[in-house]
Structure formats: C-alpha cells, structure tokens
Amino acid sequence: MRDEEFGTVEAQRDRLMEGLRAFGANYIEFTQRFATWLGLHSTDAAALAEILYAEDQGSPLSPARLSERVSLSSGATTALLNRLEAAGHIMRSREHTDRRIVTLRSSPDIRPRAVEFFGPYAARMATEMSQYTGEQLKEFEDFINHLRSTMDSLLADEYRGPRPGRPSGQGGG
C-alpha cells in the first residue's frame, strides 16, 4: 500500500483517533441503553456493567476498585451500591481472607438479563475480531494498552487538580 492511498501518517492517526472517539461514544450510548432497558440511572448501569465484566474476568471488584472504575467518591459509590443492592441487582459478600474486604457480585436474577442484553454485542464483536489473526490482535492489544496507559498517566498527573488557569477552589462552570 502506498501512502497516497490513505494520506499522510498524520491523517491516518487522525482517523484512528476519530475511530476511537466514536467507539467510546457508541459504548457510552450502549451503556445508556442498558440503563434504560433496566430502568436504572446511567451511572448505576455503568457500575453494574463493570461488576458483571469483572466477574466474567474472574476478578470481582471491591467497592474501592469500582469507585476507581466509575470515577466516583467512596460516598457516592456507597450510595450507588445501596441502590443496586436494594433493586436486587448486586450482592455484597465477604469472601476474602481479610473479612474487612467486601466483594461485589451480580445477583442471580440480573445475570440472565445482562446476557440477554449484551449477547448480541458479544457475538458481533467476536465475529468482527475473528477476521484478524492472533498476531494482528496482539498488535491491536498492545496499541490499545499503550493508549490506555497514556490516558491513565494523563488523568493521574496532568488532569488531577483544578482546571488549568484557575486557582484552587474555583469551580468551573
């Protein structure tokens, strides 16, 4: 392939960034539709999706890890978990050898509903990914991991404090 066919490397990077932005926006919309489908606030549905995903990966979340994943304070996370537990969507348990550690689990009632909602998504994504070789997927995985690491670093370092150009303590908007 020649560069003329696709433009400059800079143009290709711009297209990749636009694709990632659009995928992120679609994922947010998908989560909002999950919220509507369950009759939940979008933040509650996003948290429930994180709990389900972590369980599927064999690494159930603690409230502290969930708080990091959904960018909420510990108090706001507690209120969110209280709502999800009252709705019968999650359970809190003490499975760890350190009994102070709480583990978040989806309820038996929510799992079939989540599978029903996310099943078409999972099937289509699996079909799309099956078009690529293991080597290509590894390259994509490395690329995404590098981008994620860069974003994590930016969020931890440069975007942690007050907005640029504003003294501490002044809100923005």
C-alpha atoms as a PDB file:
ATOM      1  CA  MET A   1       0.000   0.000   0.000  1.00  0.00           C
ATOM      2  CA  ARG A   2       1.204   3.459  -0.860  1.00  0.00           C
ATOM      3  CA  ASP A   3       0.897   6.495   1.375  1.00  0.00           C
ATOM      4  CA  GLU A   4      -1.118   8.285  -1.342  1.00  0.00           C
ATOM      5  CA  GLU A   5      -3.902   5.756  -0.951  1.00  0.00           C
ATOM      6  CA  PHE A   6      -4.561   6.694   2.650  1.00  0.00           C
ATOM      7  CA  GLY A   7      -2.948  10.101   3.041  1.00  0.00           C
ATOM      8  CA  THR A   8      -0.202  11.013   5.422  1.00  0.00           C
ATOM      9  CA  VAL A   9       0.636   9.192   8.624  1.00  0.00           C
ATOM     10  CA  GLU A  10      -0.761  12.228  10.444  1.00  0.00           C
ATOM     11  CA  ALA A  11      -4.078  11.849   8.597  1.00  0.00           C
ATOM     12  CA  GLN A  12      -4.104   8.151   9.468  1.00  0.00           C
ATOM     13  CA  ARG A  13      -3.520   8.978  13.152  1.00  0.00           C
ATOM     14  CA  ASP A  14      -6.384  11.472  12.987  1.00  0.00           C
ATOM     15  CA  ARG A  15      -8.671   8.786  11.540  1.00  0.00           C
ATOM     16  CA  LEU A  16      -7.625   6.353  14.277  1.00  0.00           C
ATOM     17  CA  MET A  17      -8.303   8.929  16.988  1.00  0.00           C
ATOM     18  CA  GLU A  18     -11.693   9.705  15.450  1.00  0.00           C
ATOM     19  CA  GLY A  19     -12.476   5.991  15.322  1.00  0.00           C
ATOM     20  CA  LEU A  20     -11.545   5.571  18.988  1.00  0.00           C
ATOM     21  CA  ARG A  21     -13.584   8.642  19.945  1.00  0.00           C
ATOM     22  CA  ALA A  22     -16.594   7.348  18.014  1.00  0.00           C
ATOM     23  CA  PHE A  23     -16.255   3.858  19.529  1.00  0.00           C
ATOM     24  CA  GLY A  24     -16.116   5.420  23.010  1.00  0.00           C
ATOM     25  CA  ALA A  25     -19.222   7.490  22.266  1.00  0.00           C
ATOM     26  CA  ASN A  26     -21.006   4.384  20.973  1.00  0.00           C
ATOM     27  CA  TYR A  27     -20.028   2.472  24.108  1.00  0.00           C
ATOM     28  CA  ILE A  28     -21.445   5.257  26.278  1.00  0.00           C
ATOM     29  CA  GLU A  29     -24.670   5.162  24.249  1.00  0.00           C
ATOM     30  CA  PHE A  30     -24.756   1.373  24.607  1.00  0.00           C
ATOM     31  CA  THR A  31     -24.418   1.684  28.387  1.00  0.00           C
ATOM     32  CA  GLN A  32     -27.162   4.326  28.455  1.00  0.00           C
ATOM     33  CA  ARG A  33     -29.466   1.972  26.548  1.00  0.00           C
ATOM     34  CA  PHE A  34     -28.640  -0.773  29.069  1.00  0.00           C
ATOM     35  CA  ALA A  35     -29.637   1.689  31.801  1.00  0.00           C
ATOM     36  CA  THR A  36     -32.937   2.479  30.079  1.00  0.00           C
ATOM     37  CA  TRP A  37     -33.572  -1.226  29.460  1.00  0.00           C
ATOM     38  CA  LEU A  38     -33.130  -1.952  33.187  1.00  0.00           C
ATOM     39  CA  GLY A  39     -34.795   1.262  34.372  1.00  0.00           C
ATOM     40  CA  LEU A  40     -31.597   2.499  36.032  1.00  0.00           C
ATOM     41  CA  HIS A  41     -29.649   5.733  36.074  1.00  0.00           C
ATOM     42  CA  SER A  42     -26.787   5.568  33.550  1.00  0.00           C
ATOM     43  CA  THR A  43     -24.142   5.723  36.303  1.00  0.00           C
ATOM     44  CA  ASP A  44     -25.772   2.775  38.088  1.00  0.00           C
ATOM     45  CA  ALA A  45     -25.897   0.780  34.839  1.00  0.00           C
ATOM     46  CA  ALA A  46     -22.242   1.588  34.089  1.00  0.00           C
ATOM     47  CA  ALA A  47     -21.288   0.370  37.570  1.00  0.00           C
ATOM     48  CA  LEU A  48     -23.366  -2.783  37.139  1.00  0.00           C
ATOM     49  CA  ALA A  49     -21.668  -3.429  33.791  1.00  0.00           C
ATOM     50  CA  GLU A  50     -18.253  -3.057  35.480  1.00  0.00           C
ATOM     51  CA  ILE A  51     -19.284  -5.514  38.211  1.00  0.00           C
ATOM     52  CA  LEU A  52     -20.526  -8.026  35.627  1.00  0.00           C
ATOM     53  CA  TYR A  53     -17.404  -7.641  33.485  1.00  0.00           C
ATOM     54  CA  ALA A  54     -15.045  -8.074  36.440  1.00  0.00           C
ATOM     55  CA  GLU A  55     -16.922 -11.211  37.481  1.00  0.00           C
ATOM     56  CA  ASP A  56     -16.691 -12.578  33.943  1.00  0.00           C
ATOM     57  CA  GLN A  57     -12.926 -11.983  34.044  1.00  0.00           C
ATOM     58  CA  GLY A  58     -12.647 -13.899  37.335  1.00  0.00           C
ATOM     59  CA  SER A  59     -11.660 -10.780  39.308  1.00  0.00           C
ATOM     60  CA  PRO A  60     -14.708  -9.495  41.166  1.00  0.00           C
ATOM     61  CA  LEU A  61     -14.489  -5.891  42.293  1.00  0.00           C
ATOM     62  CA  SER A  62     -14.374  -4.372  45.734  1.00  0.00           C
ATOM     63  CA  PRO A  63     -16.244  -1.101  46.293  1.00  0.00           C
ATOM     64  CA  ALA A  64     -12.900   0.767  46.187  1.00  0.00           C
ATOM     65  CA  ARG A  65     -11.984  -0.716  42.775  1.00  0.00           C
ATOM     66  CA  LEU A  66     -15.465   0.035  41.452  1.00  0.00           C
ATOM     67  CA  SER A  67     -15.118   3.608  42.692  1.00  0.00           C
ATOM     68  CA  GLU A  68     -11.937   3.964  40.617  1.00  0.00           C
ATOM     69  CA  ARG A  69     -13.553   2.367  37.556  1.00  0.00           C
ATOM     70  CA  VAL A  70     -16.572   4.676  37.539  1.00  0.00           C
ATOM     71  CA  SER A  71     -14.772   7.769  38.893  1.00  0.00           C
ATOM     72  CA  LEU A  72     -16.944   8.310  41.944  1.00  0.00           C
ATOM     73  CA  SER A  73     -16.065   9.211  45.510  1.00  0.00           C
ATOM     74  CA  SER A  74     -16.338   6.455  48.093  1.00  0.00           C
ATOM     75  CA  GLY A  75     -19.508   8.055  49.483  1.00  0.00           C
ATOM     76  CA  ALA A  76     -21.157   8.275  46.066  1.00  0.00           C
ATOM     77  CA  THR A  77     -20.120   4.679  45.355  1.00  0.00           C
ATOM     78  CA  THR A  78     -21.705   3.531  48.618  1.00  0.00           C
ATOM     79  CA  ALA A  79     -24.971   5.264  47.689  1.00  0.00           C
ATOM     80  CA  LEU A  80     -24.837   3.696  44.209  1.00  0.00           C
ATOM     81  CA  LEU A  81     -24.218   0.224  45.667  1.00  0.00           C
ATOM     82  CA  ASN A  82     -27.089   0.702  48.110  1.00  0.00           C
ATOM     83  CA  ARG A  83     -29.407   1.464  45.168  1.00  0.00           C
ATOM     84  CA  LEU A  84     -28.187  -1.549  43.156  1.00  0.00           C
ATOM     85  CA  GLU A  85     -28.499  -3.837  46.165  1.00  0.00           C
ATOM     86  CA  ALA A  86     -31.996  -2.544  47.021  1.00  0.00           C
ATOM     87  CA  ALA A  87     -33.039  -3.166  43.391  1.00  0.00           C
ATOM     88  CA  GLY A  88     -31.790  -6.762  43.697  1.00  0.00           C
ATOM     89  CA  HIS A  89     -29.061  -6.341  41.055  1.00  0.00           C
ATOM     90  CA  ILE A  90     -25.992  -6.956  43.219  1.00  0.00           C
ATOM     91  CA  MET A  91     -24.900  -8.629  46.429  1.00  0.00           C
ATOM     92  CA  ARG A  92     -22.032  -7.730  48.738  1.00  0.00           C
ATOM     93  CA  SER A  93     -20.115 -10.545  50.356  1.00  0.00           C
ATOM     94  CA  ARG A  94     -17.013 -11.070  52.450  1.00  0.00           C
ATOM     95  CA  GLU A  95     -15.152 -13.803  50.587  1.00  0.00           C
ATOM     96  CA  HIS A  96     -11.607 -12.633  51.168  1.00  0.00           C
ATOM     97  CA  THR A  97      -9.461 -13.999  53.980  1.00  0.00           C
ATOM     98  CA  ASP A  98      -9.379 -10.408  55.239  1.00  0.00           C
ATOM     99  CA  ARG A  99     -13.041 -10.196  56.277  1.00  0.00           C
ATOM    100  CA  ARG A 100     -12.949  -6.386  56.041  1.00  0.00           C
ATOM    101  CA  ILE A 101     -12.785  -6.649  52.228  1.00  0.00           C
ATOM    102  CA  VAL A 102     -16.172  -6.602  50.521  1.00  0.00           C
ATOM    103  CA  THR A 103     -16.634  -8.371  47.180  1.00  0.00           C
ATOM    104  CA  LEU A 104     -19.289  -7.213  44.734  1.00  0.00           C
ATOM    105  CA  ARG A 105     -21.277  -9.873  42.892  1.00  0.00           C
ATOM    106  CA  SER A 106     -24.166  -9.668  40.465  1.00  0.00           C
ATOM    107  CA  SER A 107     -27.378 -11.223  41.683  1.00  0.00           C
ATOM    108  CA  PRO A 108     -28.607 -14.453  40.100  1.00  0.00           C
ATOM    109  CA  ASP A 109     -31.618 -12.517  38.752  1.00  0.00           C
ATOM    110  CA  ILE A 110     -29.597  -9.903  36.850  1.00  0.00           C
ATOM    111  CA  ARG A 111     -27.151 -12.232  35.084  1.00  0.00           C
ATOM    112  CA  PRO A 112     -29.701 -13.679  32.581  1.00  0.00           C
ATOM    113  CA  ARG A 113     -30.936 -10.162  31.809  1.00  0.00           C
ATOM    114  CA  ALA A 114     -27.381  -8.954  31.229  1.00  0.00           C
ATOM    115  CA  VAL A 115     -26.657 -11.934  28.969  1.00  0.00           C
ATOM    116  CA  GLU A 116     -29.831 -11.166  27.023  1.00  0.00           C
ATOM    117  CA  PHE A 117     -28.818  -7.522  26.561  1.00  0.00           C
ATOM    118  CA  PHE A 118     -25.093  -7.955  25.945  1.00  0.00           C
ATOM    119  CA  GLY A 119     -25.314 -11.230  23.978  1.00  0.00           C
ATOM    120  CA  PRO A 120     -25.742  -9.609  20.542  1.00  0.00           C
ATOM    121  CA  TYR A 121     -22.885  -7.196  21.308  1.00  0.00           C
ATOM    122  CA  ALA A 122     -20.571 -10.032  22.353  1.00  0.00           C
ATOM    123  CA  ALA A 123     -21.490 -12.124  19.310  1.00  0.00           C
ATOM    124  CA  ARG A 124     -20.922  -9.302  16.827  1.00  0.00           C
ATOM    125  CA  MET A 125     -17.637  -8.284  18.420  1.00  0.00           C
ATOM    126  CA  ALA A 126     -16.433 -11.899  18.350  1.00  0.00           C
ATOM    127  CA  THR A 127     -17.376 -12.130  14.665  1.00  0.00           C
ATOM    128  CA  GLU A 128     -15.511  -8.920  13.864  1.00  0.00           C
ATOM    129  CA  MET A 129     -12.409  -9.976  15.789  1.00  0.00           C
ATOM    130  CA  SER A 130     -12.384 -13.407  14.166  1.00  0.00           C
ATOM    131  CA  GLN A 131     -11.426 -11.715  10.898  1.00  0.00           C
ATOM    132  CA  TYR A 132      -7.977 -10.933  12.307  1.00  0.00           C
ATOM    133  CA  THR A 133      -5.061 -13.213  13.035  1.00  0.00           C
ATOM    134  CA  GLY A 134      -3.760 -13.733  16.538  1.00  0.00           C
ATOM    135  CA  GLU A 135      -0.707 -11.670  15.611  1.00  0.00           C
ATOM    136  CA  GLN A 136      -2.855  -8.767  14.407  1.00  0.00           C
ATOM    137  CA  LEU A 137      -4.976  -8.912  17.536  1.00  0.00           C
ATOM    138  CA  LYS A 138      -1.810  -8.858  19.652  1.00  0.00           C
ATOM    139  CA  GLU A 139      -0.709  -5.683  17.845  1.00  0.00           C
ATOM    140  CA  PHE A 140      -4.136  -4.105  18.449  1.00  0.00           C
ATOM    141  CA  GLU A 141      -3.990  -5.174  22.077  1.00  0.00           C
ATOM    142  CA  ASP A 142      -0.535  -3.608  22.509  1.00  0.00           C
ATOM    143  CA  PHE A 143      -1.719  -0.412  20.792  1.00  0.00           C
ATOM    144  CA  ILE A 144      -4.816  -0.109  22.997  1.00  0.00           C
ATOM    145  CA  ASN A 145      -2.792  -0.893  26.137  1.00  0.00           C
ATOM    146  CA  HIS A 146      -0.296   1.858  25.266  1.00  0.00           C
ATOM    147  CA  LEU A 147      -3.104   4.353  24.661  1.00  0.00           C
ATOM    148  CA  ARG A 148      -4.803   3.339  27.907  1.00  0.00           C
ATOM    149  CA  SER A 149      -1.561   3.712  29.836  1.00  0.00           C
ATOM    150  CA  THR A 150      -1.071   7.160  28.334  1.00  0.00           C
ATOM    151  CA  MET A 151      -4.597   8.191  29.350  1.00  0.00           C
ATOM    152  CA  ASP A 152      -4.155   6.757  32.850  1.00  0.00           C
ATOM    153  CA  SER A 153      -0.958   8.762  33.208  1.00  0.00           C
ATOM    154  CA  LEU A 154      -2.572  11.948  31.929  1.00  0.00           C
ATOM    155  CA  LEU A 155      -5.514  11.569  34.291  1.00  0.00           C
ATOM    156  CA  ALA A 156      -3.235  10.841  37.249  1.00  0.00           C
ATOM    157  CA  ASP A 157      -0.725  13.588  36.534  1.00  0.00           C
ATOM    158  CA  GLU A 158      -1.986  16.455  34.441  1.00  0.00           C
ATOM    159  CA  TYR A 159      -5.731  16.409  34.982  1.00  0.00           C
ATOM    160  CA  ARG A 160      -5.909  15.598  38.681  1.00  0.00           C
ATOM    161  CA  GLY A 161      -6.079  19.093  40.143  1.00  0.00           C
ATOM    162  CA  PRO A 162      -8.087  22.189  39.332  1.00  0.00           C
ATOM    163  CA  ARG A 163      -8.693  23.288  35.777  1.00  0.00           C
ATOM    164  CA  PRO A 164      -5.665  24.917  34.128  1.00  0.00           C
ATOM    165  CA  GLY A 165      -5.700  28.685  34.532  1.00  0.00           C
ATOM    166  CA  ARG A 166      -7.947  28.612  37.618  1.00  0.00           C
ATOM    167  CA  PRO A 167      -6.797  28.953  41.201  1.00  0.00           C
ATOM    168  CA  SER A 168      -7.616  26.047  43.522  1.00  0.00           C
ATOM    169  CA  GLY A 169     -11.102  26.112  44.932  1.00  0.00           C
ATOM    170  CA  GLN A 170     -12.782  27.801  41.955  1.00  0.00           C
ATOM    171  CA  GLY A 171     -15.341  25.682  40.213  1.00  0.00           C
ATOM    172  CA  GLY A 172     -15.678  25.613  36.507  1.00  0.00           C
ATOM    173  CA  GLY A 173     -18.969  26.184  35.056  1.00  0.00           C
END
